[in-house]
Amino acid sequence: MARRARLIPESGDAIVEVEDNKKVKLTNLDKPFWPAITKGDLIQYYVDVAEWLLPHVRDRAMVMKRYPHGAAGDFFFMKRAPTPRPAWIETIAIDHGSAGVIHFPIVQDVASLLWCINLGCIDLNQWYARKDDPDRPDYVHFDLDPGDAPFSAVRETALLLDETLRGLGMPTFVKTSGSKGVHVYVPIKRGPEQGEVWAFAKTVSVELAKRYPKLMTAVYVRKKRPPGRVLVDYNQNRWGATLASIYSVRPTPQASVSTPVTWKELPKVEIADFTLHNVPARLRRKGDLWAPLCSDEDDPIRFDLSTFGLSTRR
């Protein structure tokens, strides 16, 4: 598949028109977000990967992580959709207890994707459940964080986690985090509430860490973790937590990207293998390795956690 023509101007401000005649105002396109990568280059990357990315974030609340001064600058999280905003930005209202009801933006299409990235979002951090039932996740995930362990230990941990999950009959999908570690996902049938999914992930993580105590840990509190172990982080399944989405650029020096790989590829993978510069071409060659995670709710690939006694959908 040939590389598409550049849509985003290389400098200044611009108004670009995308599908459904939606017009998106883009600003400071020549602002350096990395030493040799501009804000416009970042937005163009997301244009290039949008057809593969959007199915993974569509219909989900988006937590915005904004880097107004680029990858090396300070960042802040923003949950509430800012105003003013285009009328075509869809939102979802989620009750955050003492914080009140928060109206999160939803990235539904190319226009809303470009609007989000123009606000200084380098990576995307979507909710673990869809907008029609935000308390019932449709995947469970494990964030493998190396801490001070080498990346080879992360790969080994991922393979052991895969073996464990497959032994339970679960389909597994793996991607680089784009930062330091690896993410392993299991698509599930919606039914159990978020707290039950979190508890399941904790049980798996703690048991795995007991089996391989010299390689990994499930201790979430950093000060209490044994050194040199990979953290099997189940806590990213907690209420309101998010992970960097598939195909997200990360604020690393090389603009690395959170990229799906096959289990066969994983033993030789390094974080730096996938960057803003080469991931679009990989997608044109291989397609979306994680397309099954976007399957319909009744797709047989989705594992039914009620097998383990967790609640069925009410």
C-alpha atoms as a PDB file:
ATOM      1  CA  MET A   1       0.000   0.000   0.000  1.00  0.00           C
ATOM      2  CA  ALA A   2       1.458   3.352  -1.028  1.00  0.00           C
ATOM      3  CA  ARG A   3       2.152   6.065   1.499  1.00  0.00           C
ATOM      4  CA  ARG A   4      -0.630   8.666   1.518  1.00  0.00           C
ATOM      5  CA  ALA A   5       0.063  12.293   0.684  1.00  0.00           C
ATOM      6  CA  ARG A   6       0.719  14.638   3.589  1.00  0.00           C
ATOM      7  CA  LEU A   7      -2.454  16.344   4.797  1.00  0.00           C
ATOM      8  CA  ILE A   8      -0.991  18.504   7.559  1.00  0.00           C
ATOM      9  CA  PRO A   9       0.896  21.693   6.613  1.00  0.00           C
ATOM     10  CA  GLU A  10       4.464  21.875   7.875  1.00  0.00           C
ATOM     11  CA  SER A  11       4.261  25.285   9.552  1.00  0.00           C
ATOM     12  CA  GLY A  12       2.011  27.923  11.025  1.00  0.00           C
ATOM     13  CA  ASP A  13      -1.669  27.446  11.783  1.00  0.00           C
ATOM     14  CA  ALA A  14      -4.176  25.788   9.494  1.00  0.00           C
ATOM     15  CA  ILE A  15      -7.762  24.681   9.148  1.00  0.00           C
ATOM     16  CA  VAL A  16      -8.012  21.220   7.600  1.00  0.00           C
ATOM     17  CA  GLU A  17     -11.196  19.628   6.325  1.00  0.00           C
ATOM     18  CA  VAL A  18     -11.678  15.928   6.884  1.00  0.00           C
ATOM     19  CA  GLU A  19     -14.578  13.501   6.476  1.00  0.00           C
ATOM     20  CA  ASP A  20     -18.175  14.725   6.797  1.00  0.00           C
ATOM     21  CA  ASN A  21     -16.957  18.257   5.990  1.00  0.00           C
ATOM     22  CA  LYS A  22     -15.642  18.704   9.515  1.00  0.00           C
ATOM     23  CA  LYS A  23     -13.079  21.469   9.819  1.00  0.00           C
ATOM     24  CA  VAL A  24     -10.325  21.209  12.426  1.00  0.00           C
ATOM     25  CA  LYS A  25      -8.248  24.190  13.509  1.00  0.00           C
ATOM     26  CA  LEU A  26      -4.595  23.239  14.006  1.00  0.00           C
ATOM     27  CA  THR A  27      -2.068  25.549  15.646  1.00  0.00           C
ATOM     28  CA  ASN A  28       1.714  25.983  15.919  1.00  0.00           C
ATOM     29  CA  LEU A  29       2.426  23.192  13.455  1.00  0.00           C
ATOM     30  CA  ASP A  30       6.132  24.006  13.223  1.00  0.00           C
ATOM     31  CA  LYS A  31       6.613  23.926  17.010  1.00  0.00           C
ATOM     32  CA  PRO A  32       9.322  21.370  17.918  1.00  0.00           C
ATOM     33  CA  PHE A  33       7.881  18.520  19.973  1.00  0.00           C
ATOM     34  CA  TRP A  34      11.188  16.644  19.706  1.00  0.00           C
ATOM     35  CA  PRO A  35      14.501  18.048  18.416  1.00  0.00           C
ATOM     36  CA  ALA A  36      13.737  16.944  14.840  1.00  0.00           C
ATOM     37  CA  ILE A  37       9.972  16.306  15.002  1.00  0.00           C
ATOM     38  CA  THR A  38       7.352  19.050  14.968  1.00  0.00           C
ATOM     39  CA  LYS A  39       3.825  19.151  16.272  1.00  0.00           C
ATOM     40  CA  GLY A  40       2.703  18.979  12.647  1.00  0.00           C
ATOM     41  CA  ASP A  41       4.727  15.798  12.118  1.00  0.00           C
ATOM     42  CA  LEU A  42       3.030  14.252  15.167  1.00  0.00           C
ATOM     43  CA  ILE A  43      -0.427  15.149  13.870  1.00  0.00           C
ATOM     44  CA  GLN A  44       0.457  13.783  10.438  1.00  0.00           C
ATOM     45  CA  TYR A  45       1.511  10.494  12.038  1.00  0.00           C
ATOM     46  CA  TYR A  46      -1.936  10.160  13.595  1.00  0.00           C
ATOM     47  CA  VAL A  47      -3.541  10.900  10.219  1.00  0.00           C
ATOM     48  CA  ASP A  48      -1.435   8.094   8.733  1.00  0.00           C
ATOM     49  CA  VAL A  49      -2.451   5.488  11.344  1.00  0.00           C
ATOM     50  CA  ALA A  50      -6.032   6.638  11.962  1.00  0.00           C
ATOM     51  CA  GLU A  51      -7.759   3.814  10.079  1.00  0.00           C
ATOM     52  CA  TRP A  52      -6.083   1.222  12.328  1.00  0.00           C
ATOM     53  CA  LEU A  53      -6.106   3.257  15.544  1.00  0.00           C
ATOM     54  CA  LEU A  54      -9.660   4.574  15.641  1.00  0.00           C
ATOM     55  CA  PRO A  55     -11.475   1.231  16.109  1.00  0.00           C
ATOM     56  CA  HIS A  56      -9.511   0.763  19.354  1.00  0.00           C
ATOM     57  CA  VAL A  57     -10.472   4.107  20.931  1.00  0.00           C
ATOM     58  CA  ARG A  58     -13.893   4.747  19.408  1.00  0.00           C
ATOM     59  CA  ASP A  59     -16.860   4.837  21.848  1.00  0.00           C
ATOM     60  CA  ARG A  60     -14.540   5.161  24.862  1.00  0.00           C
ATOM     61  CA  ALA A  61     -13.908   8.045  27.221  1.00  0.00           C
ATOM     62  CA  MET A  62     -10.525   9.635  26.584  1.00  0.00           C
ATOM     63  CA  VAL A  63      -8.237  10.895  29.337  1.00  0.00           C
ATOM     64  CA  MET A  64      -6.112  13.621  27.783  1.00  0.00           C
ATOM     65  CA  LYS A  65      -2.445  13.779  28.735  1.00  0.00           C
ATOM     66  CA  ARG A  66      -1.294  17.124  27.409  1.00  0.00           C
ATOM     67  CA  TYR A  67       2.290  18.135  26.641  1.00  0.00           C
ATOM     68  CA  PRO A  68       1.962  21.794  25.624  1.00  0.00           C
ATOM     69  CA  HIS A  69       5.747  22.233  25.384  1.00  0.00           C
ATOM     70  CA  GLY A  70       6.597  18.971  23.654  1.00  0.00           C
ATOM     71  CA  ALA A  71       7.857  15.562  24.704  1.00  0.00           C
ATOM     72  CA  ALA A  72      10.541  16.822  27.097  1.00  0.00           C
ATOM     73  CA  GLY A  73       8.284  19.392  28.751  1.00  0.00           C
ATOM     74  CA  ASP A  74       5.880  19.205  31.634  1.00  0.00           C
ATOM     75  CA  PHE A  75       2.546  17.465  31.110  1.00  0.00           C
ATOM     76  CA  PHE A  76      -0.813  17.413  32.815  1.00  0.00           C
ATOM     77  CA  PHE A  77      -3.851  15.133  32.744  1.00  0.00           C
ATOM     78  CA  MET A  78      -7.191  16.540  31.701  1.00  0.00           C
ATOM     79  CA  LYS A  79     -10.399  14.539  31.964  1.00  0.00           C
ATOM     80  CA  ARG A  80     -13.035  17.179  31.294  1.00  0.00           C
ATOM     81  CA  ALA A  81     -13.568  18.058  27.638  1.00  0.00           C
ATOM     82  CA  PRO A  82     -12.403  21.675  27.348  1.00  0.00           C
ATOM     83  CA  THR A  83     -14.635  24.495  26.224  1.00  0.00           C
ATOM     84  CA  PRO A  84     -15.049  25.986  23.765  1.00  0.00           C
ATOM     85  CA  ARG A  85     -14.860  22.910  21.531  1.00  0.00           C
ATOM     86  CA  PRO A  86     -16.328  21.925  18.182  1.00  0.00           C
ATOM     87  CA  ALA A  87     -19.979  20.881  18.252  1.00  0.00           C
ATOM     88  CA  TRP A  88     -19.024  17.536  16.729  1.00  0.00           C
ATOM     89  CA  ILE A  89     -16.891  16.452  19.702  1.00  0.00           C
ATOM     90  CA  GLU A  90     -18.883  13.750  21.436  1.00  0.00           C
ATOM     91  CA  THR A  91     -18.650  13.404  25.211  1.00  0.00           C
ATOM     92  CA  ILE A  92     -19.638  10.873  27.858  1.00  0.00           C
ATOM     93  CA  ALA A  93     -20.700  11.758  31.395  1.00  0.00           C
ATOM     94  CA  ILE A  94     -19.113   9.578  34.093  1.00  0.00           C
ATOM     95  CA  ASP A  95     -19.768  10.069  37.797  1.00  0.00           C
ATOM     96  CA  HIS A  96     -16.451  10.527  39.636  1.00  0.00           C
ATOM     97  CA  GLY A  97     -17.880  10.669  43.136  1.00  0.00           C
ATOM     98  CA  SER A  98     -16.520  13.683  45.007  1.00  0.00           C
ATOM     99  CA  ALA A  99     -15.208  15.129  41.732  1.00  0.00           C
ATOM    100  CA  GLY A 100     -18.732  15.180  40.391  1.00  0.00           C
ATOM    101  CA  VAL A 101     -19.861  14.172  36.930  1.00  0.00           C
ATOM    102  CA  ILE A 102     -17.091  14.544  34.383  1.00  0.00           C
ATOM    103  CA  HIS A 103     -17.786  14.914  30.679  1.00  0.00           C
ATOM    104  CA  PHE A 104     -14.958  13.101  28.914  1.00  0.00           C
ATOM    105  CA  PRO A 105     -14.284  13.626  25.215  1.00  0.00           C
ATOM    106  CA  ILE A 106     -14.539  10.650  22.864  1.00  0.00           C
ATOM    107  CA  VAL A 107     -12.283  10.217  19.839  1.00  0.00           C
ATOM    108  CA  GLN A 108     -14.745   8.899  17.273  1.00  0.00           C
ATOM    109  CA  ASP A 109     -13.211   9.892  13.953  1.00  0.00           C
ATOM    110  CA  VAL A 110     -10.293  11.620  12.259  1.00  0.00           C
ATOM    111  CA  ALA A 111     -11.600  15.080  13.114  1.00  0.00           C
ATOM    112  CA  SER A 112     -11.843  14.409  16.846  1.00  0.00           C
ATOM    113  CA  LEU A 113      -8.478  12.626  16.749  1.00  0.00           C
ATOM    114  CA  LEU A 114      -6.771  15.671  15.219  1.00  0.00           C
ATOM    115  CA  TRP A 115      -8.557  17.990  17.651  1.00  0.00           C
ATOM    116  CA  CYS A 116      -7.215  15.920  20.555  1.00  0.00           C
ATOM    117  CA  ILE A 117      -3.631  15.765  19.297  1.00  0.00           C
ATOM    118  CA  ASN A 118      -3.653  19.492  18.540  1.00  0.00           C
ATOM    119  CA  LEU A 119      -4.279  20.086  22.253  1.00  0.00           C
ATOM    120  CA  GLY A 120      -0.813  18.658  22.876  1.00  0.00           C
ATOM    121  CA  CYS A 121      -1.734  15.018  23.508  1.00  0.00           C
ATOM    122  CA  ILE A 122       1.242  12.912  22.426  1.00  0.00           C
ATOM    123  CA  ASP A 123      -0.235   9.585  23.503  1.00  0.00           C
ATOM    124  CA  LEU A 124      -3.864   8.524  23.850  1.00  0.00           C
ATOM    125  CA  ASN A 125      -5.301   7.031  27.019  1.00  0.00           C
ATOM    126  CA  GLN A 126      -8.746   5.564  26.538  1.00  0.00           C
ATOM    127  CA  TRP A 127     -11.218   4.040  29.031  1.00  0.00           C
ATOM    128  CA  TYR A 128     -11.263   0.246  29.445  1.00  0.00           C
ATOM    129  CA  ALA A 129     -14.995   0.033  28.691  1.00  0.00           C
ATOM    130  CA  ARG A 130     -17.327   1.399  26.045  1.00  0.00           C
ATOM    131  CA  LYS A 131     -19.578   4.389  26.505  1.00  0.00           C
ATOM    132  CA  ASP A 132     -22.815   2.394  26.735  1.00  0.00           C
ATOM    133  CA  ASP A 133     -21.582   0.538  29.844  1.00  0.00           C
ATOM    134  CA  PRO A 134     -18.493   2.279  31.278  1.00  0.00           C
ATOM    135  CA  ASP A 135     -18.302   0.066  34.370  1.00  0.00           C
ATOM    136  CA  ARG A 136     -18.018  -3.208  32.432  1.00  0.00           C
ATOM    137  CA  PRO A 137     -14.651  -3.632  30.663  1.00  0.00           C
ATOM    138  CA  ASP A 138     -14.340  -5.583  27.441  1.00  0.00           C
ATOM    139  CA  TYR A 139     -10.713  -6.490  28.066  1.00  0.00           C
ATOM    140  CA  VAL A 140      -8.408  -7.271  30.954  1.00  0.00           C
ATOM    141  CA  HIS A 141      -4.807  -6.148  30.673  1.00  0.00           C
ATOM    142  CA  PHE A 142      -1.433  -6.585  32.325  1.00  0.00           C
ATOM    143  CA  ASP A 143       1.213  -3.851  32.304  1.00  0.00           C
ATOM    144  CA  LEU A 144       4.694  -5.375  32.537  1.00  0.00           C
ATOM    145  CA  ASP A 145       6.966  -2.706  33.991  1.00  0.00           C
ATOM    146  CA  PRO A 146      10.699  -3.475  34.144  1.00  0.00           C
ATOM    147  CA  GLY A 147      11.629  -1.059  36.900  1.00  0.00           C
ATOM    148  CA  ASP A 148      15.395  -1.601  37.058  1.00  0.00           C
ATOM    149  CA  ALA A 149      15.260  -5.010  35.349  1.00  0.00           C
ATOM    150  CA  PRO A 150      16.490  -5.417  31.750  1.00  0.00           C
ATOM    151  CA  PHE A 151      13.996  -5.522  28.890  1.00  0.00           C
ATOM    152  CA  SER A 152      14.938  -9.147  28.273  1.00  0.00           C
ATOM    153  CA  ALA A 153      13.295  -9.912  31.634  1.00  0.00           C
ATOM    154  CA  VAL A 154      10.120  -8.172  30.438  1.00  0.00           C
ATOM    155  CA  ARG A 155      10.030 -10.363  27.349  1.00  0.00           C
ATOM    156  CA  GLU A 156      10.520 -13.478  29.473  1.00  0.00           C
ATOM    157  CA  THR A 157       7.764 -12.386  31.853  1.00  0.00           C
ATOM    158  CA  ALA A 158       5.397 -11.729  28.952  1.00  0.00           C
ATOM    159  CA  LEU A 159       5.968 -15.201  27.542  1.00  0.00           C
ATOM    160  CA  LEU A 160       5.296 -16.810  30.922  1.00  0.00           C
ATOM    161  CA  LEU A 161       2.160 -14.722  31.352  1.00  0.00           C
ATOM    162  CA  ASP A 162       1.014 -15.763  27.889  1.00  0.00           C
ATOM    163  CA  GLU A 163       1.605 -19.413  28.783  1.00  0.00           C
ATOM    164  CA  THR A 164      -0.417 -19.010  31.974  1.00  0.00           C
ATOM    165  CA  LEU A 165      -3.337 -17.225  30.331  1.00  0.00           C
ATOM    166  CA  ARG A 166      -3.473 -19.629  27.409  1.00  0.00           C
ATOM    167  CA  GLY A 167      -3.462 -22.452  29.910  1.00  0.00           C
ATOM    168  CA  LEU A 168      -6.717 -20.941  31.194  1.00  0.00           C
ATOM    169  CA  GLY A 169      -8.096 -20.958  27.659  1.00  0.00           C
ATOM    170  CA  MET A 170      -7.669 -17.239  27.090  1.00  0.00           C
ATOM    171  CA  PRO A 171      -6.642 -15.548  23.827  1.00  0.00           C
ATOM    172  CA  THR A 172      -3.757 -13.116  24.346  1.00  0.00           C
ATOM    173  CA  PHE A 173      -2.411 -10.110  22.481  1.00  0.00           C
ATOM    174  CA  VAL A 174       0.879  -8.341  23.131  1.00  0.00           C
ATOM    175  CA  LYS A 175       2.281  -4.924  22.311  1.00  0.00           C
ATOM    176  CA  THR A 176       5.208  -2.824  23.359  1.00  0.00           C
ATOM    177  CA  SER A 177       4.216  -0.046  25.718  1.00  0.00           C
ATOM    178  CA  GLY A 178       6.379   2.302  23.669  1.00  0.00           C
ATOM    179  CA  SER A 179       7.964   3.474  26.909  1.00  0.00           C
ATOM    180  CA  LYS A 180       9.747   0.776  28.927  1.00  0.00           C
ATOM    181  CA  GLY A 181       7.621  -2.343  29.050  1.00  0.00           C
ATOM    182  CA  VAL A 182       5.039  -4.570  27.428  1.00  0.00           C
ATOM    183  CA  HIS A 183       1.241  -4.722  27.581  1.00  0.00           C
ATOM    184  CA  VAL A 184      -0.666  -8.019  27.413  1.00  0.00           C
ATOM    185  CA  TYR A 185      -4.412  -7.881  26.734  1.00  0.00           C
ATOM    186  CA  VAL A 186      -7.202 -10.450  26.828  1.00  0.00           C
ATOM    187  CA  PRO A 187     -10.522  -9.589  25.111  1.00  0.00           C
ATOM    188  CA  ILE A 188     -13.441 -10.535  27.350  1.00  0.00           C
ATOM    189  CA  LYS A 189     -17.206 -10.665  27.128  1.00  0.00           C
ATOM    190  CA  ARG A 190     -18.772  -7.751  28.927  1.00  0.00           C
ATOM    191  CA  GLY A 191     -20.396  -8.847  32.157  1.00  0.00           C
ATOM    192  CA  PRO A 192     -18.179  -8.551  35.229  1.00  0.00           C
ATOM    193  CA  GLU A 193     -17.872  -5.050  36.617  1.00  0.00           C
ATOM    194  CA  GLN A 194     -14.539  -3.277  36.727  1.00  0.00           C
ATOM    195  CA  GLY A 195     -13.797  -4.312  40.320  1.00  0.00           C
ATOM    196  CA  GLU A 196     -14.245  -7.977  39.489  1.00  0.00           C
ATOM    197  CA  VAL A 197     -12.002  -7.699  36.441  1.00  0.00           C
ATOM    198  CA  TRP A 198      -9.372  -5.986  38.607  1.00  0.00           C
ATOM    199  CA  ALA A 199      -9.615  -8.780  41.182  1.00  0.00           C
ATOM    200  CA  PHE A 200      -9.166 -11.419  38.491  1.00  0.00           C
ATOM    201  CA  ALA A 201      -6.076  -9.647  37.137  1.00  0.00           C
ATOM    202  CA  LYS A 202      -4.684  -9.385  40.668  1.00  0.00           C
ATOM    203  CA  THR A 203      -5.164 -13.105  41.302  1.00  0.00           C
ATOM    204  CA  VAL A 204      -3.303 -14.017  38.110  1.00  0.00           C
ATOM    205  CA  SER A 205      -0.491 -11.532  38.778  1.00  0.00           C
ATOM    206  CA  VAL A 206       0.068 -12.535  42.398  1.00  0.00           C
ATOM    207  CA  GLU A 207       0.050 -16.240  41.560  1.00  0.00           C
ATOM    208  CA  LEU A 208       2.500 -15.759  38.698  1.00  0.00           C
ATOM    209  CA  ALA A 209       4.843 -13.732  40.891  1.00  0.00           C
ATOM    210  CA  LYS A 210       4.786 -16.530  43.481  1.00  0.00           C
ATOM    211  CA  ARG A 211       5.836 -19.038  40.834  1.00  0.00           C
ATOM    212  CA  TYR A 212       8.721 -16.923  39.534  1.00  0.00           C
ATOM    213  CA  PRO A 213       9.859 -14.777  42.486  1.00  0.00           C
ATOM    214  CA  LYS A 214      13.350 -14.159  41.098  1.00  0.00           C
ATOM    215  CA  LEU A 215      11.950 -12.748  37.845  1.00  0.00           C
ATOM    216  CA  MET A 216       8.794 -10.842  38.708  1.00  0.00           C
ATOM    217  CA  THR A 217       6.745  -9.208  41.439  1.00  0.00           C
ATOM    218  CA  ALA A 218       3.143  -8.155  41.923  1.00  0.00           C
ATOM    219  CA  VAL A 219       3.955  -5.653  44.697  1.00  0.00           C
ATOM    220  CA  TYR A 220       2.474  -2.366  43.511  1.00  0.00           C
ATOM    221  CA  VAL A 221       4.060  -0.034  46.095  1.00  0.00           C
ATOM    222  CA  ARG A 222       7.425   0.918  44.628  1.00  0.00           C
ATOM    223  CA  LYS A 223       9.269   1.177  47.956  1.00  0.00           C
ATOM    224  CA  LYS A 224       8.250  -2.377  48.881  1.00  0.00           C
ATOM    225  CA  ARG A 225       9.217  -4.033  45.583  1.00  0.00           C
ATOM    226  CA  PRO A 226      12.253  -6.300  45.470  1.00  0.00           C
ATOM    227  CA  PRO A 227      14.875  -4.889  43.090  1.00  0.00           C
ATOM    228  CA  GLY A 228      15.554  -6.311  39.642  1.00  0.00           C
ATOM    229  CA  ARG A 229      12.047  -7.755  39.201  1.00  0.00           C
ATOM    230  CA  VAL A 230       9.471  -7.063  36.518  1.00  0.00           C
ATOM    231  CA  LEU A 231       6.240  -5.689  37.960  1.00  0.00           C
ATOM    232  CA  VAL A 232       3.170  -7.573  36.717  1.00  0.00           C
ATOM    233  CA  ASP A 233       0.921  -4.583  37.196  1.00  0.00           C
ATOM    234  CA  TYR A 234      -2.707  -5.591  37.596  1.00  0.00           C
ATOM    235  CA  ASN A 235      -3.593  -2.247  39.148  1.00  0.00           C
ATOM    236  CA  GLN A 236      -4.023  -0.545  35.793  1.00  0.00           C
ATOM    237  CA  ASN A 237      -7.375  -2.384  35.736  1.00  0.00           C
ATOM    238  CA  ARG A 238      -8.576  -0.282  38.680  1.00  0.00           C
ATOM    239  CA  TRP A 239     -11.488   2.096  38.277  1.00  0.00           C
ATOM    240  CA  GLY A 240     -10.588   5.077  36.096  1.00  0.00           C
ATOM    241  CA  ALA A 241      -7.050   3.931  35.256  1.00  0.00           C
ATOM    242  CA  THR A 242      -5.828   3.904  31.663  1.00  0.00           C
ATOM    243  CA  LEU A 243      -2.899   2.671  29.600  1.00  0.00           C
ATOM    244  CA  ALA A 244      -1.399   4.257  26.519  1.00  0.00           C
ATOM    245  CA  SER A 245      -3.413   3.059  23.565  1.00  0.00           C
ATOM    246  CA  ILE A 246      -2.265   0.944  20.689  1.00  0.00           C
ATOM    247  CA  TYR A 247      -0.306   3.036  18.124  1.00  0.00           C
ATOM    248  CA  SER A 248       0.254   5.844  20.633  1.00  0.00           C
ATOM    249  CA  VAL A 249       3.449   7.810  20.234  1.00  0.00           C
ATOM    250  CA  ARG A 250       5.244   8.076  23.563  1.00  0.00           C
ATOM    251  CA  PRO A 251       7.276  11.036  24.845  1.00  0.00           C
ATOM    252  CA  THR A 252      10.588   9.175  24.602  1.00  0.00           C
ATOM    253  CA  PRO A 253      13.697  10.625  22.930  1.00  0.00           C
ATOM    254  CA  GLN A 254      13.125   8.502  19.802  1.00  0.00           C
ATOM    255  CA  ALA A 255       9.326   9.056  19.635  1.00  0.00           C
ATOM    256  CA  SER A 256       8.725   5.342  20.097  1.00  0.00           C
ATOM    257  CA  VAL A 257       5.257   3.905  19.493  1.00  0.00           C
ATOM    258  CA  SER A 258       3.175   1.377  21.412  1.00  0.00           C
ATOM    259  CA  THR A 259       3.066  -1.334  18.765  1.00  0.00           C
ATOM    260  CA  PRO A 260       1.429  -4.759  18.523  1.00  0.00           C
ATOM    261  CA  VAL A 261       3.768  -7.635  17.770  1.00  0.00           C
ATOM    262  CA  THR A 262       3.240 -11.341  17.311  1.00  0.00           C
ATOM    263  CA  TRP A 263       4.314 -13.725  20.041  1.00  0.00           C
ATOM    264  CA  LYS A 264       6.820 -15.096  17.562  1.00  0.00           C
ATOM    265  CA  GLU A 265       8.338 -11.630  17.094  1.00  0.00           C
ATOM    266  CA  LEU A 266       8.455 -10.771  20.800  1.00  0.00           C
ATOM    267  CA  PRO A 267      11.714 -12.562  21.791  1.00  0.00           C
ATOM    268  CA  LYS A 268      13.711 -10.261  19.491  1.00  0.00           C
ATOM    269  CA  VAL A 269      11.735  -7.041  19.943  1.00  0.00           C
ATOM    270  CA  GLU A 270      13.176  -3.855  21.452  1.00  0.00           C
ATOM    271  CA  ILE A 271      11.205  -0.746  22.401  1.00  0.00           C
ATOM    272  CA  ALA A 272      13.197   1.387  19.960  1.00  0.00           C
ATOM    273  CA  ASP A 273      12.246  -0.841  17.017  1.00  0.00           C
ATOM    274  CA  PHE A 274       8.981   1.024  16.504  1.00  0.00           C
ATOM    275  CA  THR A 275       8.816   4.786  16.111  1.00  0.00           C
ATOM    276  CA  LEU A 276       6.686   7.532  14.644  1.00  0.00           C
ATOM    277  CA  HIS A 277       8.807   7.212  11.490  1.00  0.00           C
ATOM    278  CA  ASN A 278       8.322   3.518  10.702  1.00  0.00           C
ATOM    279  CA  VAL A 279       5.060   2.335  12.251  1.00  0.00           C
ATOM    280  CA  PRO A 280       2.802   3.625   9.426  1.00  0.00           C
ATOM    281  CA  ALA A 281       4.784   1.544   6.922  1.00  0.00           C
ATOM    282  CA  ARG A 282       4.579  -1.510   9.191  1.00  0.00           C
ATOM    283  CA  LEU A 283       0.809  -1.099   9.346  1.00  0.00           C
ATOM    284  CA  ARG A 284       0.543  -0.852   5.589  1.00  0.00           C
ATOM    285  CA  ARG A 285       2.506  -4.119   5.329  1.00  0.00           C
ATOM    286  CA  LYS A 286       0.994  -6.132   8.177  1.00  0.00           C
ATOM    287  CA  GLY A 287      -2.329  -4.520   8.974  1.00  0.00           C
ATOM    288  CA  ASP A 288      -3.669  -4.324  12.523  1.00  0.00           C
ATOM    289  CA  LEU A 289      -2.483  -7.353  14.496  1.00  0.00           C
ATOM    290  CA  TRP A 290      -4.949  -6.406  17.228  1.00  0.00           C
ATOM    291  CA  ALA A 291      -8.062  -6.187  15.045  1.00  0.00           C
ATOM    292  CA  PRO A 292      -9.719  -9.062  16.999  1.00  0.00           C
ATOM    293  CA  LEU A 293      -9.872  -6.816  20.077  1.00  0.00           C
ATOM    294  CA  CYS A 294     -12.359  -4.655  18.171  1.00  0.00           C
ATOM    295  CA  SER A 295     -14.653  -7.598  17.515  1.00  0.00           C
ATOM    296  CA  ASP A 296     -18.355  -7.636  18.306  1.00  0.00           C
ATOM    297  CA  GLU A 297     -19.414  -8.424  21.847  1.00  0.00           C
ATOM    298  CA  ASP A 298     -20.588 -11.900  20.878  1.00  0.00           C
ATOM    299  CA  ASP A 299     -17.455 -12.834  18.957  1.00  0.00           C
ATOM    300  CA  PRO A 300     -16.188 -16.211  20.212  1.00  0.00           C
ATOM    301  CA  ILE A 301     -12.671 -14.810  20.611  1.00  0.00           C
ATOM    302  CA  ARG A 302     -13.892 -12.926  23.683  1.00  0.00           C
ATOM    303  CA  PHE A 303     -13.260 -14.936  26.836  1.00  0.00           C
ATOM    304  CA  ASP A 304     -16.142 -15.408  29.238  1.00  0.00           C
ATOM    305  CA  LEU A 305     -14.923 -14.688  32.784  1.00  0.00           C
ATOM    306  CA  SER A 306     -18.100 -16.237  34.184  1.00  0.00           C
ATOM    307  CA  THR A 307     -16.160 -19.480  33.669  1.00  0.00           C
ATOM    308  CA  PHE A 308     -14.380 -18.492  36.897  1.00  0.00           C
ATOM    309  CA  GLY A 309     -17.546 -17.546  38.709  1.00  0.00           C
ATOM    310  CA  LEU A 310     -17.512 -13.845  37.878  1.00  0.00           C
ATOM    311  CA  SER A 311     -20.886 -12.272  37.264  1.00  0.00           C
ATOM    312  CA  THR A 312     -22.633 -12.425  33.933  1.00  0.00           C
ATOM    313  CA  ARG A 313     -23.999  -9.325  32.257  1.00  0.00           C
ATOM    314  CA  ARG A 314     -27.122  -7.940  33.905  1.00  0.00           C
END
